[in-house]
């Protein structure tokens, strides 16, 4: 039936997102092997191709498109493939009775070549055994023996309808071991419980990836802190009377230091933010377990929170320290730039004063030259007038040329002075 309304292009995609990571029913007794493989955000195509190899090995059809998750029954066992932001998870489950919960992981039934060629690196691996209420109920010593004598963590979960034990250690087979006793769980409840346990282990591992990075960058941050304090001390003690190259050298050092801090921040920000996000998911899944204490055992929340909370706090502290160092470097840079600006303004003021003095000297020199020019023009003017007077005297004109020349001197000089003054006014008006 055609739709009677116009549909948003993402409507079906966002609804499908609600069903991408839902649980699958699980019926005891059943064994589960789960691995999380780091692939990065750009390695998904290799992972899909590798899944196709597995499907081809068991003669299963290749789906035309794989989105966030894919579930298929391969015959001997089922496999669920899930895509996450940074990693891919494979969950292999096989229903049927077993003698020892962890002796024969489902993963061992996979082709060795396929496992050996798995792209990426495994960050988490679990073997989980789910046994029914009809199975032999083990006492504390038998449970401890299953986990090779390691301290066991356990609790009643799902409102007391199941019990879960683990030592949260990597055993000789490369897996962490979890034992689940489904006392009165339905298949859907068992599926949800198993999915939450797998999520807790996987996201627990991902949340702790920030700790090695925090420890790695801590010495560099301590060095940056020391150098920033040294720069601030030098700025405070040197004062404004420093030599001209002091601020320039200090500014270069600060710029280099700020770039180093920014490089560390760019390298760690994503990892630290991801660690906090994964930790939040772990706490959410732990809360969903609805745990009750088994006498004498730590609950999973107590154990994981006592380890994860300080680790995440360390990541947060390191990130805050990076931010603080970057802000301090920015403040010192701004202060130093202000000092440089003040110094430059003083130099500009001195330069302007020097230019003003030179202009005054030039004005005085120009005035002196103008006076000399008036005298020179007057001298030549009187000479020309003298030639005129001498010619008149020789022509019989009753005139004493020498007296007339003497009388014409102030007149000629005055006219020269007036002419130069009018020329200066005209040039000033044009300018």
Protein backbone atom coordinates (compact mmCIF):
# COMPACT_ATOMS: atom_id res chain seq x y z
CA UNK A 1 0.00 0.00 0.00
CA UNK A 2 1.50 3.36 -0.97
CA UNK A 3 2.19 5.87 1.78
CA UNK A 4 -0.34 8.66 2.21
CA UNK A 5 2.30 11.10 3.46
CA UNK A 6 5.75 12.32 2.56
CA UNK A 7 8.38 10.46 4.57
CA UNK A 8 11.57 11.99 5.98
CA UNK A 9 14.57 10.39 4.22
CA UNK A 10 16.12 9.34 7.57
CA UNK A 11 12.95 8.07 9.23
CA UNK A 12 13.56 4.39 8.58
CA UNK A 13 17.27 4.69 9.30
CA UNK A 14 16.69 6.10 12.79
CA UNK A 15 14.07 3.44 13.55
CA UNK A 16 16.44 0.71 12.34
CA UNK A 17 19.08 2.12 14.69
CA UNK A 18 16.87 1.10 17.62
CA UNK A 19 17.16 -2.55 16.58
CA UNK A 20 20.80 -2.79 15.54
CA UNK A 21 22.17 -4.05 18.87
CA UNK A 22 19.25 -5.80 20.49
CA UNK A 23 19.85 -9.04 22.40
CA UNK A 24 19.27 -12.50 20.97
CA UNK A 25 17.49 -15.17 23.03
CA UNK A 26 19.76 -17.68 24.72
CA UNK A 27 18.84 -21.13 26.02
CA UNK A 28 20.94 -22.87 28.67
CA UNK A 29 23.15 -24.79 28.48
CA UNK A 30 25.04 -22.66 26.00
CA UNK A 31 28.60 -21.47 25.45
CA UNK A 32 29.54 -18.08 24.03
CA UNK A 33 32.85 -16.79 22.65
CA UNK A 34 33.10 -13.05 22.11
CA UNK A 35 35.93 -10.97 20.65
CA UNK A 36 36.24 -7.23 20.04
CA UNK A 37 38.67 -6.26 17.28
CA UNK A 38 40.10 -2.74 16.93
CA UNK A 39 39.79 -1.61 13.32
CA UNK A 40 39.62 2.19 13.50
CA UNK A 41 37.02 4.25 11.71
CA UNK A 42 38.45 3.52 8.27
CA UNK A 43 38.97 -0.24 8.46
CA UNK A 44 35.37 -1.40 8.23
CA UNK A 45 35.61 -2.61 4.63
CA UNK A 46 38.38 -5.06 5.51
CA UNK A 47 36.26 -6.39 8.36
CA UNK A 48 33.25 -6.93 6.09
CA UNK A 49 35.42 -8.73 3.54
CA UNK A 50 36.74 -10.99 6.29
CA UNK A 51 33.19 -11.80 7.39
CA UNK A 52 32.41 -12.72 3.79
CA UNK A 53 35.29 -15.21 3.89
CA UNK A 54 33.76 -16.88 6.94
CA UNK A 55 30.34 -17.09 5.29
CA UNK A 56 31.90 -18.53 2.16
CA UNK A 57 33.78 -21.16 4.22
CA UNK A 58 30.48 -22.43 5.63
CA UNK A 59 28.70 -22.11 2.25
CA UNK A 60 26.36 -19.38 3.39
CA UNK A 61 25.07 -16.71 0.98
CA UNK A 62 26.84 -13.35 0.97
CA UNK A 63 24.39 -10.56 1.91
CA UNK A 64 24.27 -7.68 -0.58
CA UNK A 65 24.78 -5.13 2.21
CA UNK A 66 25.76 -5.28 5.88
CA UNK A 67 24.87 -2.34 8.06
CA UNK A 68 25.48 -2.17 11.81
CA UNK A 69 24.95 -5.83 12.69
CA UNK A 70 24.50 -9.21 11.06
CA UNK A 71 23.33 -12.53 12.56
CA UNK A 72 23.67 -15.88 10.81
CA UNK A 73 23.53 -19.57 11.73
CA UNK A 74 26.62 -21.27 10.33
CA UNK A 75 25.49 -24.77 11.29
CA UNK A 76 27.82 -25.76 14.14
CA UNK A 77 27.19 -22.40 15.84
CA UNK A 78 25.70 -18.96 15.38
CA UNK A 79 27.69 -15.80 14.81
CA UNK A 80 26.68 -12.23 15.37
CA UNK A 81 28.78 -9.49 13.79
CA UNK A 82 28.42 -5.93 15.12
CA UNK A 83 29.96 -2.72 13.93
CA UNK A 84 30.98 -0.03 16.42
CA UNK A 85 32.80 3.26 15.95
CA UNK A 86 36.31 2.02 16.68
CA UNK A 87 35.93 -1.74 16.75
CA UNK A 88 34.06 -4.77 15.48
CA UNK A 89 32.65 -7.53 17.69
CA UNK A 90 32.10 -11.19 16.85
CA UNK A 91 29.85 -13.24 19.13
CA UNK A 92 29.89 -17.01 18.53
CA UNK A 93 27.34 -19.09 20.46
CA UNK A 94 26.67 -22.82 20.57
CA UNK A 95 23.80 -24.48 22.37
CA UNK A 96 24.38 -27.85 24.05
CA UNK A 97 25.65 -29.48 27.21
CA UNK A 98 29.29 -29.32 28.28
CA UNK A 99 31.47 -31.00 30.90
CA UNK A 100 33.74 -28.07 31.70
CA UNK A 101 32.51 -24.50 31.19
CA UNK A 102 35.73 -23.19 29.65
CA UNK A 103 37.55 -26.26 28.29
CA UNK A 104 36.35 -25.97 24.69
CA UNK A 105 35.62 -22.36 23.62
CA UNK A 106 33.35 -22.02 20.61
CA UNK A 107 36.06 -19.95 18.95
CA UNK A 108 38.27 -23.04 18.64
CA UNK A 109 35.80 -24.50 16.13
CA UNK A 110 36.53 -21.68 13.69
CA UNK A 111 39.02 -22.17 10.83
CA UNK A 112 42.50 -21.40 12.17
CA UNK A 113 43.52 -19.62 9.00
CA UNK A 114 40.51 -17.32 9.22
CA UNK A 115 41.31 -16.43 12.82
CA UNK A 116 44.99 -15.92 12.06
CA UNK A 117 44.18 -13.50 9.22
CA UNK A 118 41.67 -11.50 11.27
CA UNK A 119 42.23 -7.80 10.44
CA UNK A 120 42.93 -5.53 13.36
CA UNK A 121 43.91 -6.36 16.92
CA UNK A 122 41.78 -8.01 19.60
CA UNK A 123 41.13 -5.69 22.55
CA UNK A 124 38.70 -7.95 24.44
CA UNK A 125 37.95 -11.67 24.39
CA UNK A 126 35.48 -13.63 26.55
CA UNK A 127 34.46 -17.23 26.96
CA UNK A 128 31.10 -17.44 28.69
CA UNK A 129 29.30 -20.59 29.82
CA UNK A 130 25.60 -20.42 30.65
CA UNK A 131 24.29 -23.41 32.57
CA UNK A 132 20.74 -24.15 33.64
CA UNK A 133 19.35 -24.67 37.09
CA UNK A 134 19.37 -28.43 36.53
CA UNK A 135 23.18 -28.49 36.39
CA UNK A 136 25.24 -29.46 39.42
CA UNK A 137 25.40 -26.55 41.82
CA UNK A 138 29.02 -25.82 42.63
CA UNK A 139 30.24 -24.70 46.02
CA UNK A 140 32.73 -21.88 46.50
CA UNK A 141 35.76 -24.18 46.27
CA UNK A 142 34.60 -25.69 42.99
CA UNK A 143 33.97 -22.25 41.56
CA UNK A 144 37.41 -21.08 42.66
CA UNK A 145 38.93 -24.13 40.98
CA UNK A 146 37.21 -23.21 37.70
CA UNK A 147 39.06 -19.88 37.83
CA UNK A 148 42.43 -21.45 38.67
CA UNK A 149 42.38 -20.26 42.27
CA UNK A 150 42.17 -16.55 41.38
CA UNK A 151 40.05 -14.23 43.54
CA UNK A 152 36.50 -14.60 42.24
CA UNK A 153 34.00 -11.79 41.77
CA UNK A 154 30.33 -12.59 41.58
CA UNK A 155 26.79 -11.51 42.30
CA UNK A 156 23.18 -12.40 41.86
CA UNK A 157 21.75 -10.54 38.90
CA UNK A 158 18.41 -9.83 37.23
CA UNK A 159 16.64 -9.64 40.56
CA UNK A 160 18.10 -12.91 41.84
CA UNK A 161 17.08 -15.01 38.82
CA UNK A 162 20.71 -15.74 37.87
CA UNK A 163 24.22 -15.78 39.24
CA UNK A 164 27.42 -14.69 37.53
CA UNK A 165 31.05 -15.39 38.48
CA UNK A 166 34.37 -14.30 36.99
CA UNK A 167 37.92 -13.44 38.00
CA UNK A 168 38.24 -10.80 35.23
CA UNK A 169 41.68 -12.10 34.29
CA UNK A 170 43.11 -13.23 30.96
CA UNK A 171 43.72 -16.97 31.16
CA UNK A 172 46.20 -19.17 29.30
CA UNK A 173 43.73 -19.59 26.40
CA UNK A 174 43.68 -15.81 25.89
CA UNK A 175 40.12 -15.34 27.16
CA UNK A 176 38.42 -13.94 30.22
CA UNK A 177 36.07 -16.51 31.72
CA UNK A 178 32.51 -15.88 32.86
CA UNK A 179 30.18 -18.48 34.37
CA UNK A 180 26.44 -17.78 34.39
CA UNK A 181 23.93 -19.94 36.26
CA UNK A 182 20.44 -19.25 34.95
CA UNK A 183 18.29 -20.12 37.95
CA UNK A 184 14.94 -19.01 36.60
CA UNK A 185 15.75 -16.92 33.56
CA UNK A 186 13.66 -17.00 30.43
CA UNK A 187 15.46 -17.24 27.10
CA UNK A 188 14.95 -13.52 26.48
CA UNK A 189 16.24 -12.63 29.93
CA UNK A 190 19.27 -14.86 29.43
CA UNK A 191 19.98 -13.19 26.09
CA UNK A 192 19.77 -9.72 27.63
CA UNK A 193 21.97 -10.73 30.54
CA UNK A 194 24.64 -12.23 28.27
CA UNK A 195 24.63 -9.13 26.07
CA UNK A 196 25.09 -6.83 29.07
CA UNK A 197 28.00 -8.89 30.38
CA UNK A 198 29.67 -8.81 26.97
CA UNK A 199 29.11 -5.06 26.71
CA UNK A 200 30.57 -4.46 30.18
CA UNK A 201 33.74 -6.38 29.35
CA UNK A 202 34.18 -4.77 25.93
CA UNK A 203 33.50 -1.18 26.99
CA UNK A 204 35.57 -1.69 30.14
CA UNK A 205 38.57 -2.48 27.94
CA UNK A 206 37.91 0.48 25.64
CA UNK A 207 37.50 2.90 28.55
CA UNK A 208 40.93 1.98 29.92
CA UNK A 209 42.75 2.76 26.66
CA UNK A 210 43.12 6.35 27.84
CA UNK A 211 45.27 5.41 30.84
CA UNK A 212 48.50 4.43 28.99
CA UNK A 213 48.17 7.61 26.93
CA UNK A 214 47.68 9.72 30.07
CA UNK A 215 50.79 8.20 31.62
CA UNK A 216 52.75 8.71 28.40
CA UNK A 217 52.01 12.43 28.06
CA UNK A 218 52.28 13.24 31.76
CA UNK A 219 56.09 13.84 31.70
CA UNK A 220 55.73 16.15 28.69
CA UNK A 221 53.01 18.12 30.49
CA UNK A 222 55.19 18.38 33.60
CA UNK A 223 58.04 19.71 31.47
CA UNK A 224 55.71 22.21 29.80
CA UNK A 225 54.47 23.32 33.22
CA UNK A 226 58.05 23.87 34.41
CA UNK A 227 58.99 25.82 31.28
CA UNK A 228 55.89 28.00 31.52
CA UNK A 229 56.73 28.84 35.13
CA UNK A 230 60.29 29.71 34.07
CA UNK A 231 59.05 32.00 31.30
CA UNK A 232 56.68 33.75 33.73
CA UNK A 233 59.54 34.21 36.21
CA UNK A 234 61.83 35.68 33.55
CA UNK A 235 59.10 38.08 32.45
CA UNK A 236 58.55 39.20 36.03
CA UNK A 237 62.24 39.72 36.87
CA UNK A 238 63.46 41.21 33.57
CA UNK A 239 61.03 44.10 33.50
CA UNK A 240 60.44 46.58 30.68
CA UNK A 241 64.08 47.64 30.54
CA UNK A 242 65.10 44.48 28.75
CA UNK A 243 67.29 44.51 25.70
CA UNK A 244 65.44 44.73 22.37
CA UNK A 245 65.81 41.02 21.59
CA UNK A 246 64.56 39.76 24.96
CA UNK A 247 60.82 39.92 24.24
CA UNK A 248 61.34 38.48 20.77
CA UNK A 249 63.25 35.46 22.12
CA UNK A 250 60.73 34.96 24.90
CA UNK A 251 57.81 35.17 22.47
CA UNK A 252 59.43 32.57 20.22
CA UNK A 253 59.88 30.24 23.20
CA UNK A 254 56.28 30.72 24.28
CA UNK A 255 54.95 30.09 20.78
CA UNK A 256 56.93 26.86 20.53
CA UNK A 257 55.71 25.75 23.95
CA UNK A 258 52.08 26.52 23.09
CA UNK A 259 52.43 24.49 19.88
CA UNK A 260 53.77 21.50 21.85
CA UNK A 261 50.85 21.67 24.29
CA UNK A 262 48.39 21.92 21.41
CA UNK A 263 49.97 18.88 19.72
CA UNK A 264 49.55 16.83 22.91
CA UNK A 265 45.95 18.01 23.26
CA UNK A 266 45.12 17.10 19.67
CA UNK A 267 46.62 13.65 20.21
CA UNK A 268 44.75 12.86 23.42
CA UNK A 269 41.40 14.65 23.32
CA UNK A 270 39.56 12.02 21.29
CA UNK A 271 40.88 9.15 23.41
CA UNK A 272 40.03 10.81 26.72
CA UNK A 273 36.53 11.79 25.55
CA UNK A 274 35.98 8.23 24.31
CA UNK A 275 37.15 6.80 27.65
CA UNK A 276 34.57 8.85 29.52
CA UNK A 277 31.83 7.82 27.08
CA UNK A 278 32.72 4.12 27.37
CA UNK A 279 32.87 4.38 31.15
CA UNK A 280 29.36 5.84 31.18
CA UNK A 281 28.13 2.83 29.17
CA UNK A 282 29.85 0.42 31.58
CA UNK A 283 28.11 2.04 34.55
CA UNK A 284 24.78 1.93 32.73
CA UNK A 285 25.16 -1.79 31.96
CA UNK A 286 26.23 -2.53 35.55
CA UNK A 287 23.13 -0.79 36.82
CA UNK A 288 20.97 -2.81 34.43
CA UNK A 289 22.34 -6.06 35.91
CA UNK A 290 20.40 -5.31 39.14
CA UNK A 291 23.02 -7.02 41.27
CA UNK A 292 22.66 -8.48 44.74
CA UNK A 293 25.60 -9.55 46.84
CA UNK A 294 26.71 -13.17 47.12
CA UNK A 295 28.07 -13.57 50.62
CA UNK A 296 31.84 -13.24 50.68
CA UNK A 297 32.23 -11.94 47.10
CA UNK A 298 32.72 -8.51 45.62
CA UNK A 299 30.02 -7.47 43.17
CA UNK A 300 31.02 -6.53 39.65
CA UNK A 301 30.09 -2.91 40.32
CA UNK A 302 32.33 -2.75 43.39
CA UNK A 303 35.26 -4.33 41.60
CA UNK A 304 35.03 -2.37 38.34
CA UNK A 305 34.20 0.97 39.92
CA UNK A 306 37.17 0.74 42.28
CA UNK A 307 39.44 0.31 39.21
CA UNK A 308 37.70 2.28 36.50
CA UNK A 309 36.75 5.39 38.48
CA UNK A 310 40.39 6.33 39.35
CA UNK A 311 41.47 5.56 35.78
CA UNK A 312 38.83 7.81 34.26
CA UNK A 313 39.60 10.46 36.88
CA UNK A 314 43.25 10.31 35.80
CA UNK A 315 42.26 10.83 32.16
CA UNK A 316 40.01 13.73 33.15
CA UNK A 317 42.75 15.26 35.30
CA UNK A 318 45.26 14.99 32.46
CA UNK A 319 42.83 16.60 30.04
CA UNK A 320 42.10 19.42 32.52
CA UNK A 321 45.83 19.90 32.97
CA UNK A 322 46.29 20.23 29.21
CA UNK A 323 43.53 22.83 29.08
CA UNK A 324 45.03 24.76 31.99
CA UNK A 325 48.51 24.76 30.41
CA UNK A 326 47.10 25.94 27.08
CA UNK A 327 45.24 28.78 28.82
CA UNK A 328 48.33 29.78 30.80
CA UNK A 329 50.44 29.81 27.64
CA UNK A 330 47.81 31.96 25.93
CA UNK A 331 47.73 34.41 28.86
CA UNK A 332 51.53 34.69 28.96
CA UNK A 333 51.62 35.18 25.19
CA UNK A 334 49.02 37.96 25.41
CA UNK A 335 50.94 39.63 28.25
CA UNK A 336 54.21 39.40 26.35
CA UNK A 337 52.60 40.76 23.20
CA UNK A 338 51.29 43.70 25.25
CA UNK A 339 54.84 44.34 26.49
CA UNK A 340 56.15 44.17 22.94
CA UNK A 341 53.44 46.60 21.80
CA UNK A 342 54.32 49.04 24.59
CA UNK A 343 58.00 48.76 23.70
CA UNK A 344 57.22 49.33 20.02
CA UNK A 345 55.10 52.37 20.89
CA UNK A 346 58.04 53.83 22.83
CA UNK A 347 60.33 53.23 19.87
CA UNK A 348 57.79 54.82 17.53
CA UNK A 349 57.51 57.84 19.85
CA UNK A 350 61.28 58.28 19.88
CA UNK A 351 61.34 57.91 16.10
CA UNK A 352 58.64 60.55 15.67
CA UNK A 353 60.49 62.91 18.02
CA UNK A 354 63.66 62.39 16.03
CA UNK A 355 61.79 63.03 12.78
CA UNK A 356 60.29 66.21 14.32
CA UNK A 357 63.75 67.47 15.26
CA UNK A 358 65.03 66.78 11.77
CA UNK A 359 62.03 68.60 10.28
CA UNK A 360 62.74 71.64 12.46
CA UNK A 361 66.37 71.63 11.38
CA UNK A 362 65.30 71.35 7.76
CA UNK A 363 62.89 74.28 8.27
CA UNK A 364 65.63 76.43 9.74
CA UNK A 365 67.99 75.45 6.96
CA UNK A 366 65.28 76.23 4.43
CA UNK A 367 64.70 79.64 6.01
CA UNK A 368 68.44 80.30 5.89
CA UNK A 369 68.52 79.27 2.25
CA UNK A 370 65.55 81.53 1.53
CA UNK A 371 67.39 84.51 3.08
CA UNK A 372 70.46 83.75 1.01
CA UNK A 373 68.25 83.38 -2.04
CA UNK A 374 66.76 86.85 -1.44
CA UNK A 375 70.25 88.31 -1.14
CA UNK A 376 71.45 86.53 -4.27
CA UNK A 377 68.39 87.57 -6.29
CA UNK A 378 68.71 91.14 -4.98
CA UNK A 379 72.40 91.20 -5.91
CA UNK A 380 71.74 90.10 -9.47
CA UNK A 381 68.69 92.36 -9.67
CA UNK A 382 70.70 95.42 -8.58
CA UNK A 383 73.35 94.48 -11.15
CA UNK A 384 70.78 94.40 -13.91
CA UNK A 385 69.29 97.70 -12.79
CA UNK A 386 72.83 99.15 -12.67
CA UNK A 387 73.38 98.24 -16.30
CA UNK A 388 70.16 100.13 -17.06
CA UNK A 389 71.23 103.22 -15.11
CA UNK A 390 74.71 103.26 -16.65
CA UNK A 391 73.22 103.10 -20.15
CA UNK A 392 70.93 106.02 -19.36
CA UNK A 393 73.82 108.03 -17.92
CA UNK A 394 75.97 107.53 -21.01
CA UNK A 395 73.01 108.38 -23.22
CA UNK A 396 73.01 111.89 -21.74
CA UNK A 397 70.26 111.35 -19.21
CA UNK A 398 70.94 113.51 -16.18
CA UNK A 399 71.47 110.65 -13.78
CA UNK A 400 74.23 109.45 -11.51
CA UNK A 401 74.27 105.68 -12.10
CA UNK A 402 76.08 104.84 -8.82
CA UNK A 403 73.63 106.80 -6.68
CA UNK A 404 70.67 105.29 -8.54
CA UNK A 405 72.05 101.78 -7.98
CA UNK A 406 72.48 102.45 -4.29
CA UNK A 407 68.94 103.75 -3.98
CA UNK A 408 67.54 100.73 -5.89
CA UNK A 409 69.05 98.13 -3.54
CA UNK A 410 66.26 98.13 -0.89
CA UNK A 411 63.64 98.23 -3.61
CA UNK A 412 65.08 95.24 -5.53
CA UNK A 413 65.70 93.20 -2.36
CA UNK A 414 62.18 93.97 -1.12
CA UNK A 415 60.65 92.89 -4.39
CA UNK A 416 62.70 89.66 -4.33
CA UNK A 417 61.53 88.95 -0.78
CA UNK A 418 57.88 89.59 -1.69
CA UNK A 419 58.17 87.38 -4.78
CA UNK A 420 59.59 84.42 -2.85
CA UNK A 421 56.95 84.83 -0.14
CA UNK A 422 54.10 84.82 -2.69
CA UNK A 423 55.61 81.75 -4.41
CA UNK A 424 55.72 79.88 -1.04
CA UNK A 425 52.06 80.74 -0.38
CA UNK A 426 51.00 79.50 -3.81
CA UNK A 427 52.94 76.23 -3.40
CA UNK A 428 51.45 75.72 0.08
CA UNK A 429 47.96 76.34 -1.30
CA UNK A 430 48.50 73.81 -4.11
CA UNK A 431 49.84 71.21 -1.59
